[in-house]
Amino acid sequence: PTKDLHHADPEGIELWAPVFGERDIDA
């Protein structure tokens, strides 16, 4: 990075982010 980092809006990102749950993971 050559410029200052910008904080993202967590709520906005989570509208598009994948969702993981414990039941999604197989041993």
mmCIF file of all heavy atoms, coordinates in Angstrom:
data_MODEL
# 
_entry.id   MODEL 
# 
loop_
_atom_site.group_PDB 
_atom_site.id 
_atom_site.type_symbol 
_atom_site.label_atom_id 
_atom_site.label_alt_id 
_atom_site.label_comp_id 
_atom_site.label_asym_id 
_atom_site.label_entity_id 
_atom_site.label_seq_id 
_atom_site.pdbx_PDB_ins_code 
_atom_site.Cartn_x 
_atom_site.Cartn_y 
_atom_site.Cartn_z 
_atom_site.occupancy 
_atom_site.B_iso_or_equiv 
_atom_site.pdbx_formal_charge 
_atom_site.auth_seq_id 
_atom_site.auth_comp_id 
_atom_site.auth_asym_id 
_atom_site.auth_atom_id 
_atom_site.pdbx_PDB_model_num 
ATOM 1   N N   . PRO A 1 1  ? 0.829   -1.214  0.000  1.00 0.00 ? 1  PRO A N   1 
ATOM 2   C CA  . PRO A 1 1  ? 0.000   0.000   0.000  1.00 0.00 ? 1  PRO A CA  1 
ATOM 3   C C   . PRO A 1 1  ? 0.860   1.260   0.000  1.00 0.00 ? 1  PRO A C   1 
ATOM 4   O O   . PRO A 1 1  ? 1.891   1.338   0.665  1.00 0.00 ? 1  PRO A O   1 
ATOM 5   C CB  . PRO A 1 1  ? -0.795  -0.114  1.305  1.00 0.00 ? 1  PRO A CB  1 
ATOM 6   C CG  . PRO A 1 1  ? -0.754  -1.563  1.660  1.00 0.00 ? 1  PRO A CG  1 
ATOM 7   C CD  . PRO A 1 1  ? 0.557   -2.077  1.160  1.00 0.00 ? 1  PRO A CD  1 
ATOM 8   N N   . THR A 1 2  ? 0.442   2.240   -0.766 1.00 0.00 ? 2  THR A N   1 
ATOM 9   C CA  . THR A 1 2  ? 1.142   3.530   -0.813 1.00 0.00 ? 2  THR A CA  1 
ATOM 10  C C   . THR A 1 2  ? 0.286   4.653   -0.252 1.00 0.00 ? 2  THR A C   1 
ATOM 11  O O   . THR A 1 2  ? 0.752   5.780   -0.144 1.00 0.00 ? 2  THR A O   1 
ATOM 12  C CB  . THR A 1 2  ? 1.543   3.874   -2.259 1.00 0.00 ? 2  THR A CB  1 
ATOM 13  O OG1 . THR A 1 2  ? 0.370   3.898   -3.082 1.00 0.00 ? 2  THR A OG1 1 
ATOM 14  C CG2 . THR A 1 2  ? 2.532   2.837   -2.809 1.00 0.00 ? 2  THR A CG2 1 
ATOM 15  N N   . LYS A 1 3  ? -0.963  4.365   0.083  1.00 0.00 ? 3  LYS A N   1 
ATOM 16  C CA  . LYS A 1 3  ? -1.866  5.366   0.647  1.00 0.00 ? 3  LYS A CA  1 
ATOM 17  C C   . LYS A 1 3  ? -2.418  4.854   1.979  1.00 0.00 ? 3  LYS A C   1 
ATOM 18  O O   . LYS A 1 3  ? -2.339  3.666   2.284  1.00 0.00 ? 3  LYS A O   1 
ATOM 19  C CB  . LYS A 1 3  ? -3.011  5.667   -0.328 1.00 0.00 ? 3  LYS A CB  1 
ATOM 20  C CG  . LYS A 1 3  ? -2.557  6.266   -1.655 1.00 0.00 ? 3  LYS A CG  1 
ATOM 21  C CD  . LYS A 1 3  ? -3.743  6.536   -2.554 1.00 0.00 ? 3  LYS A CD  1 
ATOM 22  C CE  . LYS A 1 3  ? -3.316  7.266   -3.826 1.00 0.00 ? 3  LYS A CE  1 
ATOM 23  N NZ  . LYS A 1 3  ? -2.352  6.478   -4.617 1.00 0.00 ? 3  LYS A NZ  1 
ATOM 24  N N   . ASP A 1 4  ? -2.964  5.775   2.745  1.00 0.00 ? 4  ASP A N   1 
ATOM 25  C CA  . ASP A 1 4  ? -3.534  5.406   4.033  1.00 0.00 ? 4  ASP A CA  1 
ATOM 26  C C   . ASP A 1 4  ? -4.668  4.407   3.843  1.00 0.00 ? 4  ASP A C   1 
ATOM 27  O O   . ASP A 1 4  ? -5.457  4.512   2.889  1.00 0.00 ? 4  ASP A O   1 
ATOM 28  C CB  . ASP A 1 4  ? -4.067  6.639   4.760  1.00 0.00 ? 4  ASP A CB  1 
ATOM 29  C CG  . ASP A 1 4  ? -2.943  7.579   5.191  1.00 0.00 ? 4  ASP A CG  1 
ATOM 30  O OD1 . ASP A 1 4  ? -1.804  7.096   5.328  1.00 0.00 ? 4  ASP A OD1 1 
ATOM 31  O OD2 . ASP A 1 4  ? -3.219  8.778   5.378  1.00 0.00 ? 4  ASP A OD2 1 
ATOM 32  N N   . LEU A 1 5  ? -4.744  3.437   4.758  1.00 0.00 ? 5  LEU A N   1 
ATOM 33  C CA  . LEU A 1 5  ? -5.820  2.462   4.698  1.00 0.00 ? 5  LEU A CA  1 
ATOM 34  C C   . LEU A 1 5  ? -7.136  3.103   5.130  1.00 0.00 ? 5  LEU A C   1 
ATOM 35  O O   . LEU A 1 5  ? -7.159  4.011   5.960  1.00 0.00 ? 5  LEU A O   1 
ATOM 36  C CB  . LEU A 1 5  ? -5.494  1.276   5.608  1.00 0.00 ? 5  LEU A CB  1 
ATOM 37  C CG  . LEU A 1 5  ? -4.202  0.516   5.281  1.00 0.00 ? 5  LEU A CG  1 
ATOM 38  C CD1 . LEU A 1 5  ? -4.007  -0.619  6.278  1.00 0.00 ? 5  LEU A CD1 1 
ATOM 39  C CD2 . LEU A 1 5  ? -4.241  -0.027  3.861  1.00 0.00 ? 5  LEU A CD2 1 
ATOM 40  N N   . HIS A 1 6  ? -8.227  2.616   4.560  1.00 0.00 ? 6  HIS A N   1 
ATOM 41  C CA  . HIS A 1 6  ? -9.553  3.137   4.895  1.00 0.00 ? 6  HIS A CA  1 
ATOM 42  C C   . HIS A 1 6  ? -10.354 2.036   5.576  1.00 0.00 ? 6  HIS A C   1 
ATOM 43  O O   . HIS A 1 6  ? -10.347 0.885   5.139  1.00 0.00 ? 6  HIS A O   1 
ATOM 44  C CB  . HIS A 1 6  ? -10.291 3.605   3.636  1.00 0.00 ? 6  HIS A CB  1 
ATOM 45  C CG  . HIS A 1 6  ? -9.675  4.808   2.996  1.00 0.00 ? 6  HIS A CG  1 
ATOM 46  N ND1 . HIS A 1 6  ? -9.950  6.092   3.393  1.00 0.00 ? 6  HIS A ND1 1 
ATOM 47  C CD2 . HIS A 1 6  ? -8.765  4.919   1.989  1.00 0.00 ? 6  HIS A CD2 1 
ATOM 48  C CE1 . HIS A 1 6  ? -9.250  6.946   2.661  1.00 0.00 ? 6  HIS A CE1 1 
ATOM 49  N NE2 . HIS A 1 6  ? -8.522  6.253   1.797  1.00 0.00 ? 6  HIS A NE2 1 
ATOM 50  N N   . HIS A 1 7  ? -11.043 2.386   6.648  1.00 0.00 ? 7  HIS A N   1 
ATOM 51  C CA  . HIS A 1 7  ? -11.888 1.419   7.338  1.00 0.00 ? 7  HIS A CA  1 
ATOM 52  C C   . HIS A 1 7  ? -13.143 1.154   6.514  1.00 0.00 ? 7  HIS A C   1 
ATOM 53  O O   . HIS A 1 7  ? -13.802 2.088   6.043  1.00 0.00 ? 7  HIS A O   1 
ATOM 54  C CB  . HIS A 1 7  ? -12.279 1.936   8.724  1.00 0.00 ? 7  HIS A CB  1 
ATOM 55  C CG  . HIS A 1 7  ? -11.140 1.955   9.686  1.00 0.00 ? 7  HIS A CG  1 
ATOM 56  N ND1 . HIS A 1 7  ? -10.624 0.810   10.256 1.00 0.00 ? 7  HIS A ND1 1 
ATOM 57  C CD2 . HIS A 1 7  ? -10.398 2.981   10.160 1.00 0.00 ? 7  HIS A CD2 1 
ATOM 58  C CE1 . HIS A 1 7  ? -9.618  1.130   11.052 1.00 0.00 ? 7  HIS A CE1 1 
ATOM 59  N NE2 . HIS A 1 7  ? -9.459  2.434   11.009 1.00 0.00 ? 7  HIS A NE2 1 
ATOM 60  N N   . ALA A 1 8  ? -13.451 -0.112  6.339  1.00 0.00 ? 8  ALA A N   1 
ATOM 61  C CA  . ALA A 1 8  ? -14.655 -0.491  5.609  1.00 0.00 ? 8  ALA A CA  1 
ATOM 62  C C   . ALA A 1 8  ? -15.835 -0.563  6.572  1.00 0.00 ? 8  ALA A C   1 
ATOM 63  O O   . ALA A 1 8  ? -15.669 -0.774  7.774  1.00 0.00 ? 8  ALA A O   1 
ATOM 64  C CB  . ALA A 1 8  ? -14.452 -1.843  4.925  1.00 0.00 ? 8  ALA A CB  1 
ATOM 65  N N   . ASP A 1 9  ? -17.015 -0.395  6.024  1.00 0.00 ? 9  ASP A N   1 
ATOM 66  C CA  . ASP A 1 9  ? -18.232 -0.529  6.811  1.00 0.00 ? 9  ASP A CA  1 
ATOM 67  C C   . ASP A 1 9  ? -18.544 -2.015  6.959  1.00 0.00 ? 9  ASP A C   1 
ATOM 68  O O   . ASP A 1 9  ? -18.902 -2.670  5.973  1.00 0.00 ? 9  ASP A O   1 
ATOM 69  C CB  . ASP A 1 9  ? -19.386 0.187   6.108  1.00 0.00 ? 9  ASP A CB  1 
ATOM 70  C CG  . ASP A 1 9  ? -20.719 -0.019  6.829  1.00 0.00 ? 9  ASP A CG  1 
ATOM 71  O OD1 . ASP A 1 9  ? -20.702 -0.484  7.989  1.00 0.00 ? 9  ASP A OD1 1 
ATOM 72  O OD2 . ASP A 1 9  ? -21.766 0.276   6.228  1.00 0.00 ? 9  ASP A OD2 1 
ATOM 73  N N   . PRO A 1 10 ? -18.387 -2.602  8.153  1.00 0.00 ? 10 PRO A N   1 
ATOM 74  C CA  . PRO A 1 10 ? -18.605 -4.044  8.299  1.00 0.00 ? 10 PRO A CA  1 
ATOM 75  C C   . PRO A 1 10 ? -19.991 -4.490  7.856  1.00 0.00 ? 10 PRO A C   1 
ATOM 76  O O   . PRO A 1 10 ? -20.148 -5.532  7.225  1.00 0.00 ? 10 PRO A O   1 
ATOM 77  C CB  . PRO A 1 10 ? -18.392 -4.290  9.802  1.00 0.00 ? 10 PRO A CB  1 
ATOM 78  C CG  . PRO A 1 10 ? -17.579 -3.134  10.264 1.00 0.00 ? 10 PRO A CG  1 
ATOM 79  C CD  . PRO A 1 10 ? -17.998 -1.974  9.415  1.00 0.00 ? 10 PRO A CD  1 
ATOM 80  N N   . GLU A 1 11 ? -21.025 -3.682  8.156  1.00 0.00 ? 11 GLU A N   1 
ATOM 81  C CA  . GLU A 1 11 ? -22.372 -4.086  7.788  1.00 0.00 ? 11 GLU A CA  1 
ATOM 82  C C   . GLU A 1 11 ? -22.543 -4.109  6.275  1.00 0.00 ? 11 GLU A C   1 
ATOM 83  O O   . GLU A 1 11 ? -23.192 -4.997  5.709  1.00 0.00 ? 11 GLU A O   1 
ATOM 84  C CB  . GLU A 1 11 ? -23.393 -3.153  8.435  1.00 0.00 ? 11 GLU A CB  1 
ATOM 85  C CG  . GLU A 1 11 ? -23.439 -3.275  9.959  1.00 0.00 ? 11 GLU A CG  1 
ATOM 86  C CD  . GLU A 1 11 ? -24.514 -2.393  10.553 1.00 0.00 ? 11 GLU A CD  1 
ATOM 87  O OE1 . GLU A 1 11 ? -25.217 -1.708  9.779  1.00 0.00 ? 11 GLU A OE1 1 
ATOM 88  O OE2 . GLU A 1 11 ? -24.657 -2.393  11.786 1.00 0.00 ? 11 GLU A OE2 1 
ATOM 89  N N   . GLY A 1 12 ? -21.943 -3.131  5.599  1.00 0.00 ? 12 GLY A N   1 
ATOM 90  C CA  . GLY A 1 12 ? -22.044 -3.106  4.143  1.00 0.00 ? 12 GLY A CA  1 
ATOM 91  C C   . GLY A 1 12 ? -21.328 -4.266  3.492  1.00 0.00 ? 12 GLY A C   1 
ATOM 92  O O   . GLY A 1 12 ? -21.828 -4.886  2.544  1.00 0.00 ? 12 GLY A O   1 
ATOM 93  N N   . ILE A 1 13 ? -20.144 -4.610  4.008  1.00 0.00 ? 13 ILE A N   1 
ATOM 94  C CA  . ILE A 1 13 ? -19.382 -5.720  3.444  1.00 0.00 ? 13 ILE A CA  1 
ATOM 95  C C   . ILE A 1 13 ? -20.113 -7.036  3.649  1.00 0.00 ? 13 ILE A C   1 
ATOM 96  O O   . ILE A 1 13 ? -20.148 -7.898  2.775  1.00 0.00 ? 13 ILE A O   1 
ATOM 97  C CB  . ILE A 1 13 ? -17.976 -5.770  4.075  1.00 0.00 ? 13 ILE A CB  1 
ATOM 98  C CG1 . ILE A 1 13 ? -17.134 -4.625  3.521  1.00 0.00 ? 13 ILE A CG1 1 
ATOM 99  C CG2 . ILE A 1 13 ? -17.299 -7.103  3.800  1.00 0.00 ? 13 ILE A CG2 1 
ATOM 100 C CD1 . ILE A 1 13 ? -15.735 -4.584  4.063  1.00 0.00 ? 13 ILE A CD1 1 
ATOM 101 N N   . GLU A 1 14 ? -20.721 -7.183  4.818  1.00 0.00 ? 14 GLU A N   1 
ATOM 102 C CA  . GLU A 1 14 ? -21.359 -8.461  5.122  1.00 0.00 ? 14 GLU A CA  1 
ATOM 103 C C   . GLU A 1 14 ? -22.606 -8.729  4.282  1.00 0.00 ? 14 GLU A C   1 
ATOM 104 O O   . GLU A 1 14 ? -23.100 -9.853  4.228  1.00 0.00 ? 14 GLU A O   1 
ATOM 105 C CB  . GLU A 1 14 ? -21.689 -8.530  6.619  1.00 0.00 ? 14 GLU A CB  1 
ATOM 106 C CG  . GLU A 1 14 ? -20.434 -8.712  7.460  1.00 0.00 ? 14 GLU A CG  1 
ATOM 107 C CD  . GLU A 1 14 ? -20.705 -8.569  8.943  1.00 0.00 ? 14 GLU A CD  1 
ATOM 108 O OE1 . GLU A 1 14 ? -21.882 -8.417  9.304  1.00 0.00 ? 14 GLU A OE1 1 
ATOM 109 O OE2 . GLU A 1 14 ? -19.743 -8.590  9.717  1.00 0.00 ? 14 GLU A OE2 1 
ATOM 110 N N   . LEU A 1 15 ? -23.109 -7.700  3.596  1.00 0.00 ? 15 LEU A N   1 
ATOM 111 C CA  . LEU A 1 15 ? -24.219 -7.938  2.679  1.00 0.00 ? 15 LEU A CA  1 
ATOM 112 C C   . LEU A 1 15 ? -23.778 -8.793  1.492  1.00 0.00 ? 15 LEU A C   1 
ATOM 113 O O   . LEU A 1 15 ? -24.588 -9.477  0.864  1.00 0.00 ? 15 LEU A O   1 
ATOM 114 C CB  . LEU A 1 15 ? -24.773 -6.596  2.172  1.00 0.00 ? 15 LEU A CB  1 
ATOM 115 C CG  . LEU A 1 15 ? -25.466 -5.714  3.218  1.00 0.00 ? 15 LEU A CG  1 
ATOM 116 C CD1 . LEU A 1 15 ? -25.833 -4.373  2.599  1.00 0.00 ? 15 LEU A CD1 1 
ATOM 117 C CD2 . LEU A 1 15 ? -26.705 -6.408  3.773  1.00 0.00 ? 15 LEU A CD2 1 
ATOM 118 N N   . TRP A 1 16 ? -22.476 -8.766  1.193  1.00 0.00 ? 16 TRP A N   1 
ATOM 119 C CA  . TRP A 1 16 ? -21.954 -9.474  0.023  1.00 0.00 ? 16 TRP A CA  1 
ATOM 120 C C   . TRP A 1 16 ? -20.992 -10.587 0.393  1.00 0.00 ? 16 TRP A C   1 
ATOM 121 O O   . TRP A 1 16 ? -20.544 -11.327 -0.465 1.00 0.00 ? 16 TRP A O   1 
ATOM 122 C CB  . TRP A 1 16 ? -21.229 -8.472  -0.901 1.00 0.00 ? 16 TRP A CB  1 
ATOM 123 C CG  . TRP A 1 16 ? -22.057 -7.280  -1.221 1.00 0.00 ? 16 TRP A CG  1 
ATOM 124 C CD1 . TRP A 1 16 ? -22.008 -6.045  -0.627 1.00 0.00 ? 16 TRP A CD1 1 
ATOM 125 C CD2 . TRP A 1 16 ? -23.111 -7.202  -2.179 1.00 0.00 ? 16 TRP A CD2 1 
ATOM 126 N NE1 . TRP A 1 16 ? -22.934 -5.199  -1.166 1.00 0.00 ? 16 TRP A NE1 1 
ATOM 127 C CE2 . TRP A 1 16 ? -23.633 -5.892  -2.128 1.00 0.00 ? 16 TRP A CE2 1 
ATOM 128 C CE3 . TRP A 1 16 ? -23.654 -8.113  -3.086 1.00 0.00 ? 16 TRP A CE3 1 
ATOM 129 C CZ2 . TRP A 1 16 ? -24.672 -5.475  -2.948 1.00 0.00 ? 16 TRP A CZ2 1 
ATOM 130 C CZ3 . TRP A 1 16 ? -24.689 -7.680  -3.899 1.00 0.00 ? 16 TRP A CZ3 1 
ATOM 131 C CH2 . TRP A 1 16 ? -25.199 -6.383  -3.832 1.00 0.00 ? 16 TRP A CH2 1 
ATOM 132 N N   . ALA A 1 17 ? -20.676 -10.709 1.659  1.00 0.00 ? 17 ALA A N   1 
ATOM 133 C CA  . ALA A 1 17 ? -19.658 -11.683 2.085  1.00 0.00 ? 17 ALA A CA  1 
ATOM 134 C C   . ALA A 1 17 ? -20.273 -13.064 2.256  1.00 0.00 ? 17 ALA A C   1 
ATOM 135 O O   . ALA A 1 17 ? -21.455 -13.196 2.539  1.00 0.00 ? 17 ALA A O   1 
ATOM 136 C CB  . ALA A 1 17 ? -19.037 -11.230 3.414  1.00 0.00 ? 17 ALA A CB  1 
ATOM 137 N N   . PRO A 1 18 ? -19.447 -14.128 2.074  1.00 0.00 ? 18 PRO A N   1 
ATOM 138 C CA  . PRO A 1 18 ? -19.957 -15.472 2.349  1.00 0.00 ? 18 PRO A CA  1 
ATOM 139 C C   . PRO A 1 18 ? -20.232 -15.655 3.835  1.00 0.00 ? 18 PRO A C   1 
ATOM 140 O O   . PRO A 1 18 ? -19.652 -14.977 4.684  1.00 0.00 ? 18 PRO A O   1 
ATOM 141 C CB  . PRO A 1 18 ? -18.799 -16.378 1.897  1.00 0.00 ? 18 PRO A CB  1 
ATOM 142 C CG  . PRO A 1 18 ? -17.594 -15.512 1.943  1.00 0.00 ? 18 PRO A CG  1 
ATOM 143 C CD  . PRO A 1 18 ? -18.062 -14.132 1.618  1.00 0.00 ? 18 PRO A CD  1 
ATOM 144 N N   . VAL A 1 19 ? -21.137 -16.549 4.142  1.00 0.00 ? 19 VAL A N   1 
ATOM 145 C CA  . VAL A 1 19 ? -21.522 -16.808 5.532  1.00 0.00 ? 19 VAL A CA  1 
ATOM 146 C C   . VAL A 1 19 ? -21.133 -18.237 5.877  1.00 0.00 ? 19 VAL A C   1 
ATOM 147 O O   . VAL A 1 19 ? -21.462 -19.169 5.140  1.00 0.00 ? 19 VAL A O   1 
ATOM 148 C CB  . VAL A 1 19 ? -23.037 -16.607 5.733  1.00 0.00 ? 19 VAL A CB  1 
ATOM 149 C CG1 . VAL A 1 19 ? -23.422 -16.949 7.168  1.00 0.00 ? 19 VAL A CG1 1 
ATOM 150 C CG2 . VAL A 1 19 ? -23.431 -15.171 5.409  1.00 0.00 ? 19 VAL A CG2 1 
ATOM 151 N N   . PHE A 1 20 ? -20.410 -18.411 6.963  1.00 0.00 ? 20 PHE A N   1 
ATOM 152 C CA  . PHE A 1 20 ? -19.975 -19.733 7.390  1.00 0.00 ? 20 PHE A CA  1 
ATOM 153 C C   . PHE A 1 20 ? -20.676 -20.099 8.692  1.00 0.00 ? 20 PHE A C   1 
ATOM 154 O O   . PHE A 1 20 ? -20.795 -19.286 9.596  1.00 0.00 ? 20 PHE A O   1 
ATOM 155 C CB  . PHE A 1 20 ? -18.460 -19.774 7.610  1.00 0.00 ? 20 PHE A CB  1 
ATOM 156 C CG  . PHE A 1 20 ? -17.662 -19.428 6.390  1.00 0.00 ? 20 PHE A CG  1 
ATOM 157 C CD1 . PHE A 1 20 ? -17.092 -18.184 6.242  1.00 0.00 ? 20 PHE A CD1 1 
ATOM 158 C CD2 . PHE A 1 20 ? -17.499 -20.361 5.376  1.00 0.00 ? 20 PHE A CD2 1 
ATOM 159 C CE1 . PHE A 1 20 ? -16.361 -17.858 5.111  1.00 0.00 ? 20 PHE A CE1 1 
ATOM 160 C CE2 . PHE A 1 20 ? -16.774 -20.051 4.245  1.00 0.00 ? 20 PHE A CE2 1 
ATOM 161 C CZ  . PHE A 1 20 ? -16.201 -18.802 4.117  1.00 0.00 ? 20 PHE A CZ  1 
ATOM 162 N N   . GLY A 1 21 ? -21.122 -21.317 8.772  1.00 0.00 ? 21 GLY A N   1 
ATOM 163 C CA  . GLY A 1 21 ? -21.705 -21.829 10.003 1.00 0.00 ? 21 GLY A CA  1 
ATOM 164 C C   . GLY A 1 21 ? -21.031 -23.120 10.384 1.00 0.00 ? 21 GLY A C   1 
ATOM 165 O O   . GLY A 1 21 ? -20.412 -23.785 9.551  1.00 0.00 ? 21 GLY A O   1 
ATOM 166 N N   . GLU A 1 22 ? -21.126 -23.489 11.651 1.00 0.00 ? 22 GLU A N   1 
ATOM 167 C CA  . GLU A 1 22 ? -20.460 -24.697 12.116 1.00 0.00 ? 22 GLU A CA  1 
ATOM 168 C C   . GLU A 1 22 ? -20.962 -25.936 11.386 1.00 0.00 ? 22 GLU A C   1 
ATOM 169 O O   . GLU A 1 22 ? -20.213 -26.896 11.179 1.00 0.00 ? 22 GLU A O   1 
ATOM 170 C CB  . GLU A 1 22 ? -20.657 -24.845 13.628 1.00 0.00 ? 22 GLU A CB  1 
ATOM 171 C CG  . GLU A 1 22 ? -19.939 -23.763 14.426 1.00 0.00 ? 22 GLU A CG  1 
ATOM 172 C CD  . GLU A 1 22 ? -20.006 -24.009 15.913 1.00 0.00 ? 22 GLU A CD  1 
ATOM 173 O OE1 . GLU A 1 22 ? -20.398 -25.128 16.306 1.00 0.00 ? 22 GLU A OE1 1 
ATOM 174 O OE2 . GLU A 1 22 ? -19.642 -23.103 16.679 1.00 0.00 ? 22 GLU A OE2 1 
ATOM 175 N N   . ARG A 1 23 ? -22.230 -25.935 10.986 1.00 0.00 ? 23 ARG A N   1 
ATOM 176 C CA  . ARG A 1 23 ? -22.770 -27.104 10.295 1.00 0.00 ? 23 ARG A CA  1 
ATOM 177 C C   . ARG A 1 23 ? -22.278 -27.209 8.853  1.00 0.00 ? 23 ARG A C   1 
ATOM 178 O O   . ARG A 1 23 ? -22.459 -28.235 8.199  1.00 0.00 ? 23 ARG A O   1 
ATOM 179 C CB  . ARG A 1 23 ? -24.303 -27.063 10.333 1.00 0.00 ? 23 ARG A CB  1 
ATOM 180 C CG  . ARG A 1 23 ? -24.878 -27.311 11.723 1.00 0.00 ? 23 ARG A CG  1 
ATOM 181 C CD  . ARG A 1 23 ? -26.383 -27.225 11.716 1.00 0.00 ? 23 ARG A CD  1 
ATOM 182 N NE  . ARG A 1 23 ? -26.845 -25.884 11.358 1.00 0.00 ? 23 ARG A NE  1 
ATOM 183 C CZ  . ARG A 1 23 ? -28.114 -25.527 11.267 1.00 0.00 ? 23 ARG A CZ  1 
ATOM 184 N NH1 . ARG A 1 23 ? -29.074 -26.423 11.479 1.00 0.00 ? 23 ARG A NH1 1 
ATOM 185 N NH2 . ARG A 1 23 ? -28.452 -24.290 10.952 1.00 0.00 ? 23 ARG A NH2 1 
ATOM 186 N N   . ASP A 1 24 ? -21.648 -26.128 8.334  1.00 0.00 ? 24 ASP A N   1 
ATOM 187 C CA  . ASP A 1 24 ? -21.129 -26.159 6.967  1.00 0.00 ? 24 ASP A CA  1 
ATOM 188 C C   . ASP A 1 24 ? -19.797 -26.894 6.865  1.00 0.00 ? 24 ASP A C   1 
ATOM 189 O O   . ASP A 1 24 ? -19.330 -27.197 5.770  1.00 0.00 ? 24 ASP A O   1 
ATOM 190 C CB  . ASP A 1 24 ? -20.942 -24.733 6.437  1.00 0.00 ? 24 ASP A CB  1 
ATOM 191 C CG  . ASP A 1 24 ? -22.247 -23.966 6.395  1.00 0.00 ? 24 ASP A CG  1 
ATOM 192 O OD1 . ASP A 1 24 ? -23.287 -24.603 6.131  1.00 0.00 ? 24 ASP A OD1 1 
ATOM 193 O OD2 . ASP A 1 24 ? -22.233 -22.748 6.635  1.00 0.00 ? 24 ASP A OD2 1 
ATOM 194 N N   . ILE A 1 25 ? -19.152 -27.149 7.993  1.00 0.00 ? 25 ILE A N   1 
ATOM 195 C CA  . ILE A 1 25 ? -17.819 -27.735 8.005  1.00 0.00 ? 25 ILE A CA  1 
ATOM 196 C C   . ILE A 1 25 ? -17.913 -29.199 8.398  1.00 0.00 ? 25 ILE A C   1 
ATOM 197 O O   . ILE A 1 25 ? -18.416 -29.532 9.473  1.00 0.00 ? 25 ILE A O   1 
ATOM 198 C CB  . ILE A 1 25 ? -16.883 -27.003 9.000  1.00 0.00 ? 25 ILE A CB  1 
ATOM 199 C CG1 . ILE A 1 25 ? -16.969 -25.483 8.805  1.00 0.00 ? 25 ILE A CG1 1 
ATOM 200 C CG2 . ILE A 1 25 ? -15.453 -27.496 8.842  1.00 0.00 ? 25 ILE A CG2 1 
ATOM 201 C CD1 . ILE A 1 25 ? -16.565 -25.009 7.440  1.00 0.00 ? 25 ILE A CD1 1 
ATOM 202 N N   . ASP A 1 26 ? -17.415 -30.073 7.519  1.00 0.00 ? 26 ASP A N   1 
ATOM 203 C CA  . ASP A 1 26 ? -17.385 -31.504 7.814  1.00 0.00 ? 26 ASP A CA  1 
ATOM 204 C C   . ASP A 1 26 ? -16.021 -31.864 8.401  1.00 0.00 ? 26 ASP A C   1 
ATOM 205 O O   . ASP A 1 26 ? -14.991 -31.375 7.932  1.00 0.00 ? 26 ASP A O   1 
ATOM 206 C CB  . ASP A 1 26 ? -17.641 -32.313 6.539  1.00 0.00 ? 26 ASP A CB  1 
ATOM 207 C CG  . ASP A 1 26 ? -17.908 -33.785 6.833  1.00 0.00 ? 26 ASP A CG  1 
ATOM 208 O OD1 . ASP A 1 26 ? -17.004 -34.455 7.367  1.00 0.00 ? 26 ASP A OD1 1 
ATOM 209 O OD2 . ASP A 1 26 ? -19.007 -34.258 6.523  1.00 0.00 ? 26 ASP A OD2 1 
ATOM 210 N N   . ALA A 1 27 ? -16.008 -32.721 9.402  1.00 0.00 ? 27 ALA A N   1 
ATOM 211 C CA  . ALA A 1 27 ? -14.749 -33.117 10.049 1.00 0.00 ? 27 ALA A CA  1 
ATOM 212 C C   . ALA A 1 27 ? -13.766 -33.731 9.052  1.00 0.00 ? 27 ALA A C   1 
ATOM 213 O O   . ALA A 1 27 ? -12.542 -33.621 9.223  1.00 0.00 ? 27 ALA A O   1 
ATOM 214 C CB  . ALA A 1 27 ? -15.035 -34.094 11.187 1.00 0.00 ? 27 ALA A CB  1 
# 
